[in-house]
Amino acid sequence: MSAHSNDLHLQLGPFQGITDVYYRNTFQKYFGGIDTFFTPFFSGIHKENSKSLRTDEIDVAHNNPLTLTPQLLSNDGIEILRFADQCQAMGYREVNLNMGCPYPQVARKKRGSGMMPYTDLVAQIADEIRGKMPLAFSIKCRLGYYDSTEIDALIPIFNSLNLSELIVHARLGKQMYGGIPDFEKFAAIIPQINTRLVYNGDVFSPAQLQIYQQKFSPINHWMLGRGILSDPFLASDLKGTTLESDPEAKKEQVLKFITSLYLLRRKAKNNNPAILGRMKELWSYLYLSFDEAENVWRSIRKSTDFDSYEDAVARVFKHHHWLGTGYVRAPKDDFLAPTDVEHA
């Protein structure tokens, strides 16, 4: 399989505070290549018609239930079923359980990847939901939280649930996003999974994807994360469908995207100052695809209000060049370069 294979299926991983409905819809207006989107996780679905689900984030008036999968952060089987029922009533076809979030404030509550060491807890949840899900059900997880052997005890439980797919970020929760993914362990679990397996972790360029395809030859579903936040052309680059090759034209397209997203968020949120923080979160990835990246980030980070932010963005696009594939040039301790993959 080549990186430009027609059957390549690409997913956009959910990022709290970044890949909200406004990001997803604006992304689709200016870029392509993503087949499946996920909402950032919901939580606290304590009753029917939960208030937290009455939002543009999941409202089908603003989302396509055929390409969007709602995600839940929970360690309660009853809550999972309640969430699934409400999503089905909205017209969604699938929900996803987050067992991958690595952040300590989540993990120490035995949620996200913090669930993975607790086999009995996962088994209890599985018993509560098995055969009762009203729609397709998938799980996103890691290889473990403390140790990659944790997934070994969970695979029989996952296999018992008739999952639509299992998305595995090939790291440990305690790694967060540092270090190198465990390619050997991911390859070892491939034949043990009885449903579609999706690879997640450090897909930053077509060259890297080709290497991964050689390592994991049965896999044709891939989840993108930091790589596509730093370079929104990544998905279409991986599929060989990017229409624009001139860097200046690409930069202009990125400017239209980032400006449209900014204005949409301001309008939707009545100019709430918190929008500035949301835009900076995206820029904390996007800056890597410009030349003199640290100067770009410094300029954006220093902005304190809408006017100074707009001035900073204007300076960036006037004085800096678009290079793309930002994480391929990120500091070595923050990413996995193609040469590192080849010798992993």
Protein backbone atom coordinates (compact mmCIF):
# COMPACT_ATOMS: atom_id res chain seq x y z
CA MET A 1 0.00 0.00 0.00
CA SER A 2 1.35 3.42 -0.87
CA ALA A 3 0.76 6.66 0.97
CA HIS A 4 -1.45 7.76 -1.92
CA SER A 5 -3.62 4.63 -1.89
CA ASN A 6 -7.25 5.30 -2.73
CA ASP A 7 -8.44 3.21 0.22
CA LEU A 8 -6.51 5.29 2.74
CA HIS A 9 -8.93 6.34 5.50
CA LEU A 10 -7.88 9.30 7.63
CA GLN A 11 -9.36 10.50 10.91
CA LEU A 12 -8.89 13.79 12.74
CA GLY A 13 -8.15 13.12 16.39
CA PRO A 14 -10.06 15.20 18.96
CA PHE A 15 -8.23 17.97 20.83
CA GLN A 16 -10.00 19.69 23.71
CA GLY A 17 -10.19 23.42 23.09
CA ILE A 18 -9.03 23.19 19.46
CA THR A 19 -10.96 20.82 17.18
CA ASP A 20 -14.39 22.11 18.11
CA VAL A 21 -17.31 22.46 15.69
CA TYR A 22 -15.99 25.80 14.45
CA TYR A 23 -12.56 24.34 13.67
CA ARG A 24 -14.00 21.25 11.99
CA ASN A 25 -16.40 23.17 9.76
CA THR A 26 -13.80 25.78 8.80
CA PHE A 27 -11.23 23.08 8.11
CA GLN A 28 -13.60 21.35 5.70
CA LYS A 29 -14.19 24.64 3.89
CA TYR A 30 -10.50 25.14 3.09
CA PHE A 31 -8.87 21.69 3.24
CA GLY A 32 -9.63 18.06 2.53
CA GLY A 33 -8.50 14.52 3.12
CA ILE A 34 -10.24 13.75 6.43
CA ASP A 35 -12.88 11.02 6.31
CA THR A 36 -13.95 10.90 9.96
CA PHE A 37 -14.02 13.60 12.63
CA PHE A 38 -14.43 13.20 16.39
CA THR A 39 -15.83 15.66 18.88
CA PRO A 40 -13.62 16.59 21.81
CA PHE A 41 -14.89 14.50 24.71
CA PHE A 42 -18.13 15.07 26.55
CA SER A 43 -18.53 14.16 30.22
CA GLY A 44 -21.10 14.43 32.98
CA ILE A 45 -24.02 12.89 31.06
CA HIS A 46 -25.96 12.32 34.29
CA LYS A 47 -29.53 12.43 32.97
CA GLU A 48 -31.63 12.14 29.84
CA ASN A 49 -31.54 15.19 27.58
CA SER A 50 -28.29 16.26 29.20
CA LYS A 51 -27.70 20.01 29.08
CA SER A 52 -24.09 19.43 28.03
CA LEU A 53 -25.37 17.90 24.76
CA ARG A 54 -27.51 20.91 23.89
CA THR A 55 -24.70 22.69 22.08
CA ASP A 56 -23.48 23.52 18.58
CA GLU A 57 -20.68 21.04 19.23
CA ILE A 58 -23.00 18.11 18.59
CA ASP A 59 -26.16 19.68 17.11
CA VAL A 60 -26.81 18.10 13.72
CA ALA A 61 -27.76 21.53 12.40
CA HIS A 62 -24.03 22.28 12.51
CA ASN A 63 -22.55 18.79 12.12
CA ASN A 64 -22.80 15.85 9.74
CA PRO A 65 -23.66 12.70 11.73
CA LEU A 66 -22.37 10.57 8.84
CA THR A 67 -18.80 11.83 9.28
CA LEU A 68 -18.71 12.94 12.94
CA THR A 69 -18.38 10.59 15.90
CA PRO A 70 -19.26 11.97 19.36
CA GLN A 71 -16.75 11.01 22.06
CA LEU A 72 -17.39 10.44 25.77
CA LEU A 73 -14.97 10.49 28.71
CA SER A 74 -16.43 8.14 31.32
CA ASN A 75 -15.76 5.11 33.51
CA ASP A 76 -19.46 4.37 34.06
CA GLY A 77 -21.30 1.89 31.84
CA ILE A 78 -24.72 3.42 32.57
CA GLU A 79 -23.45 6.85 31.55
CA ILE A 80 -22.03 5.38 28.33
CA LEU A 81 -25.42 3.88 27.45
CA ARG A 82 -27.19 7.14 28.31
CA PHE A 83 -24.79 9.06 26.05
CA ALA A 84 -25.29 6.54 23.23
CA ASP A 85 -29.08 6.75 23.50
CA GLN A 86 -29.03 10.52 23.27
CA CYS A 87 -26.61 10.52 20.34
CA GLN A 88 -28.74 7.97 18.50
CA ALA A 89 -31.80 10.17 19.01
CA MET A 90 -29.90 13.03 17.37
CA GLY A 91 -29.14 10.89 14.31
CA TYR A 92 -25.58 9.76 15.01
CA ARG A 93 -24.47 6.30 13.96
CA GLU A 94 -21.56 5.74 16.34
CA VAL A 95 -20.08 6.90 19.64
CA ASN A 96 -16.51 6.60 20.91
CA LEU A 97 -15.20 6.01 24.43
CA ASN A 98 -12.06 7.93 25.36
CA MET A 99 -9.60 5.58 27.07
CA GLY A 100 -6.63 7.49 25.72
CA CYS A 101 -6.50 10.92 27.38
CA PRO A 102 -3.11 11.04 29.13
CA TYR A 103 -3.48 14.13 31.28
CA PRO A 104 -2.86 13.42 34.99
CA GLN A 105 -5.95 15.31 36.18
CA VAL A 106 -8.03 12.88 34.09
CA ALA A 107 -5.98 9.72 34.57
CA ARG A 108 -5.86 9.87 38.38
CA LYS A 109 -9.68 9.64 38.38
CA LYS A 110 -9.43 6.33 36.48
CA ARG A 111 -10.66 7.93 33.29
CA GLY A 112 -9.03 8.21 29.87
CA SER A 113 -5.81 6.21 29.73
CA GLY A 114 -5.95 6.09 33.53
CA MET A 115 -8.54 3.30 33.17
CA MET A 116 -6.14 0.95 31.43
CA PRO A 117 -4.36 -0.51 34.52
CA TYR A 118 -7.74 -1.39 36.05
CA THR A 119 -8.85 -4.48 34.14
CA ASP A 120 -11.66 -5.26 36.57
CA LEU A 121 -13.14 -1.78 36.09
CA VAL A 122 -13.06 -2.11 32.31
CA ALA A 123 -14.57 -5.59 32.55
CA GLN A 124 -17.38 -4.25 34.74
CA ILE A 125 -18.13 -1.49 32.23
CA ALA A 126 -18.11 -4.04 29.41
CA ASP A 127 -20.61 -6.21 31.31
CA GLU A 128 -22.88 -3.19 31.77
CA ILE A 129 -22.95 -2.23 28.08
CA ARG A 130 -22.46 -5.53 26.24
CA GLY A 131 -25.37 -6.17 23.90
CA LYS A 132 -27.11 -2.96 24.94
CA MET A 133 -25.47 -0.33 22.74
CA PRO A 134 -28.11 1.20 20.44
CA LEU A 135 -25.56 2.19 17.80
CA ALA A 136 -21.98 1.43 16.74
CA PHE A 137 -19.39 1.70 19.49
CA SER A 138 -15.65 2.30 19.23
CA ILE A 139 -12.84 2.86 21.72
CA LYS A 140 -9.76 5.07 21.56
CA CYS A 141 -7.00 3.97 23.91
CA ARG A 142 -3.24 3.75 24.42
CA LEU A 143 -1.04 0.71 24.91
CA GLY A 144 -1.36 1.28 28.63
CA TYR A 145 -0.85 3.95 31.22
CA TYR A 146 2.24 2.68 33.07
CA ASP A 147 3.16 -0.33 30.94
CA SER A 148 2.36 -1.61 27.46
CA THR A 149 1.36 -5.02 28.87
CA GLU A 150 -1.81 -3.41 30.23
CA ILE A 151 -3.49 -3.68 26.84
CA ASP A 152 -2.91 -7.45 26.79
CA ALA A 153 -5.45 -7.98 29.57
CA LEU A 154 -7.91 -5.62 27.90
CA ILE A 155 -7.87 -7.10 24.39
CA PRO A 156 -10.21 -10.03 25.29
CA ILE A 157 -12.62 -7.49 26.83
CA PHE A 158 -12.45 -5.26 23.76
CA ASN A 159 -12.96 -8.29 21.51
CA SER A 160 -16.12 -9.22 23.46
CA LEU A 161 -17.79 -5.88 22.72
CA ASN A 162 -18.25 -6.15 18.95
CA LEU A 163 -16.51 -2.78 18.49
CA SER A 164 -16.78 -0.95 15.19
CA GLU A 165 -13.07 -0.11 15.57
CA LEU A 166 -10.29 0.18 18.12
CA ILE A 167 -8.06 3.25 17.82
CA VAL A 168 -4.70 2.78 19.51
CA HIS A 169 -2.22 5.57 20.18
CA ALA A 170 1.02 3.60 20.30
CA ARG A 171 2.30 5.27 23.47
CA LEU A 172 1.75 4.98 27.20
CA GLY A 173 -0.41 7.47 29.03
CA LYS A 174 2.49 8.50 31.26
CA GLN A 175 4.47 9.43 28.13
CA MET A 176 1.89 12.06 27.22
CA TYR A 177 3.17 12.90 23.69
CA GLY A 178 6.88 12.51 24.33
CA GLY A 179 9.30 9.80 23.37
CA ILE A 180 8.95 7.31 20.54
CA PRO A 181 5.79 5.25 19.88
CA ASP A 182 6.15 1.53 20.60
CA PHE A 183 6.00 0.16 17.06
CA GLU A 184 6.91 -3.36 18.10
CA LYS A 185 4.07 -3.60 20.61
CA PHE A 186 1.54 -2.13 18.18
CA ALA A 187 2.58 -4.65 15.52
CA ALA A 188 2.22 -7.45 18.08
CA ILE A 189 -1.41 -6.64 18.88
CA ILE A 190 -2.57 -6.41 15.25
CA PRO A 191 -3.42 -10.13 14.87
CA GLN A 192 -5.09 -10.21 18.30
CA ILE A 193 -7.78 -7.62 17.53
CA ASN A 194 -11.03 -8.92 16.02
CA THR A 195 -12.21 -5.58 14.64
CA ARG A 196 -10.79 -2.76 12.54
CA LEU A 197 -7.63 -1.39 14.13
CA VAL A 198 -6.67 2.27 13.67
CA TYR A 199 -3.11 3.49 14.21
CA ASN A 200 -2.51 6.80 16.00
CA GLY A 201 0.83 8.40 16.86
CA ASP A 202 3.32 10.63 15.06
CA VAL A 203 2.01 10.58 11.49
CA PHE A 204 3.64 13.81 10.36
CA SER A 205 4.49 13.34 6.66
CA PRO A 206 3.89 11.10 3.63
CA ALA A 207 7.38 9.63 4.10
CA GLN A 208 6.54 8.58 7.65
CA LEU A 209 3.21 7.10 6.62
CA GLN A 210 4.91 4.96 3.98
CA ILE A 211 7.24 3.58 6.65
CA TYR A 212 4.33 2.83 8.96
CA GLN A 213 2.45 1.11 6.15
CA GLN A 214 5.42 -1.18 5.65
CA LYS A 215 5.57 -1.93 9.38
CA PHE A 216 1.80 -2.42 9.78
CA SER A 217 0.74 -3.77 6.40
CA PRO A 218 -2.88 -4.71 7.34
CA ILE A 219 -3.66 -1.19 8.57
CA ASN A 220 -5.38 1.31 6.26
CA HIS A 221 -7.09 3.54 8.86
CA TRP A 222 -4.96 6.24 10.47
CA MET A 223 -5.71 8.95 13.00
CA LEU A 224 -3.92 12.30 12.65
CA GLY A 225 -3.30 14.67 15.53
CA ARG A 226 -0.48 17.14 16.14
CA GLY A 227 0.76 16.78 12.57
CA ILE A 228 -2.41 18.12 11.00
CA LEU A 229 -2.78 20.88 13.58
CA SER A 230 0.64 22.15 12.53
CA ASP A 231 -0.02 21.61 8.81
CA PRO A 232 -3.69 21.48 7.72
CA PHE A 233 -2.59 20.25 4.27
CA LEU A 234 -1.28 17.00 5.80
CA ALA A 235 -4.32 14.80 5.13
CA SER A 236 -4.56 15.76 1.46
CA ASP A 237 -0.77 15.45 1.18
CA LEU A 238 -0.99 11.89 2.50
CA LYS A 239 -3.67 11.09 -0.07
CA GLY A 240 -1.87 12.89 -2.87
CA THR A 241 -4.84 15.19 -3.45
CA THR A 242 -3.45 18.58 -2.42
CA LEU A 243 -4.31 20.92 -5.29
CA GLU A 244 -1.93 23.75 -4.43
CA SER A 245 1.84 23.30 -4.45
CA ASP A 246 3.12 26.89 -4.38
CA PRO A 247 4.15 27.78 -0.79
CA GLU A 248 2.92 31.36 -1.09
CA ALA A 249 -0.47 30.20 -2.32
CA LYS A 250 -0.58 27.69 0.52
CA LYS A 251 0.24 30.44 2.99
CA GLU A 252 -2.63 32.51 1.62
CA GLN A 253 -4.98 29.56 2.06
CA VAL A 254 -3.84 29.09 5.67
CA LEU A 255 -4.42 32.80 6.29
CA LYS A 256 -7.99 32.55 4.98
CA PHE A 257 -8.56 29.49 7.16
CA ILE A 258 -7.18 30.99 10.36
CA THR A 259 -9.00 34.29 9.77
CA SER A 260 -12.33 32.61 9.03
CA LEU A 261 -12.01 30.45 12.14
CA TYR A 262 -11.18 33.45 14.29
CA LEU A 263 -14.13 35.51 13.00
CA LEU A 264 -16.53 32.57 13.29
CA ARG A 265 -15.55 31.99 16.91
CA ARG A 266 -15.90 35.69 17.73
CA LYS A 267 -19.37 35.76 16.22
CA ALA A 268 -20.50 32.50 17.83
CA LYS A 269 -19.18 33.44 21.27
CA ASN A 270 -20.11 37.14 21.26
CA ASN A 271 -16.48 38.28 21.35
CA ASN A 272 -15.73 36.37 24.53
CA PRO A 273 -12.06 37.09 25.39
CA ALA A 274 -11.54 33.34 25.91
CA ILE A 275 -11.50 33.04 22.11
CA LEU A 276 -7.98 34.44 22.15
CA GLY A 277 -6.82 31.51 24.24
CA ARG A 278 -8.47 29.07 21.83
CA MET A 279 -6.67 30.64 18.88
CA LYS A 280 -3.34 30.55 20.70
CA GLU A 281 -3.84 26.84 21.42
CA LEU A 282 -4.10 26.19 17.69
CA TRP A 283 -1.14 28.46 16.97
CA SER A 284 0.94 26.46 19.47
CA TYR A 285 0.98 23.80 16.73
CA LEU A 286 0.57 25.90 13.57
CA TYR A 287 3.67 28.03 14.18
CA LEU A 288 5.90 25.02 13.53
CA SER A 289 5.08 25.12 9.81
CA PHE A 290 6.54 28.61 9.34
CA ASP A 291 10.16 29.63 8.93
CA GLU A 292 11.70 31.20 12.05
CA ALA A 293 9.06 29.28 13.98
CA GLU A 294 10.05 30.49 17.42
CA ASN A 295 9.71 34.11 16.32
CA VAL A 296 6.26 33.35 14.94
CA TRP A 297 5.14 31.77 18.19
CA ARG A 298 6.63 34.55 20.29
CA SER A 299 4.68 37.14 18.29
CA ILE A 300 1.37 35.30 18.64
CA ARG A 301 1.89 34.35 22.28
CA LYS A 302 2.52 37.95 23.35
CA SER A 303 -0.84 39.18 22.05
CA THR A 304 -3.18 40.19 24.87
CA ASP A 305 -6.36 41.30 23.12
CA PHE A 306 -8.09 41.00 19.77
CA ASP A 307 -6.31 43.98 18.23
CA SER A 308 -2.82 42.83 19.20
CA TYR A 309 -3.65 39.30 18.05
CA GLU A 310 -4.81 40.53 14.64
CA ASP A 311 -1.66 42.66 14.32
CA ALA A 312 0.52 39.67 15.21
CA VAL A 313 -1.19 37.44 12.65
CA ALA A 314 -0.79 40.10 9.97
CA ARG A 315 2.96 40.38 10.72
CA VAL A 316 3.41 36.61 10.62
CA PHE A 317 1.84 36.26 7.19
CA LYS A 318 3.64 39.31 5.85
CA HIS A 319 7.15 38.51 7.05
CA HIS A 320 7.32 34.71 7.30
CA HIS A 321 7.29 31.86 4.79
CA TRP A 322 5.08 28.78 4.90
CA LEU A 323 7.12 25.56 4.98
CA GLY A 324 4.52 22.98 6.03
CA THR A 325 4.92 19.62 7.82
CA GLY A 326 5.89 21.46 10.98
CA TYR A 327 6.47 18.46 13.22
CA VAL A 328 9.08 17.04 10.85
CA ARG A 329 11.28 19.98 11.85
CA ALA A 330 10.22 20.19 15.50
CA PRO A 331 12.87 19.70 18.22
CA LYS A 332 14.05 16.10 18.39
CA ASP A 333 12.81 15.55 21.91
CA ASP A 334 9.30 16.51 20.89
CA PHE A 335 8.79 14.41 17.80
CA LEU A 336 9.79 11.40 15.76
CA ALA A 337 11.55 12.29 12.51
CA PRO A 338 11.40 9.95 9.48
CA THR A 339 15.06 8.96 9.97
CA ASP A 340 14.28 8.00 13.54
CA VAL A 341 11.42 5.80 12.34
CA GLU A 342 13.65 4.00 9.88
CA HIS A 343 16.04 3.00 12.64
CA ALA A 344 13.46 2.38 15.39
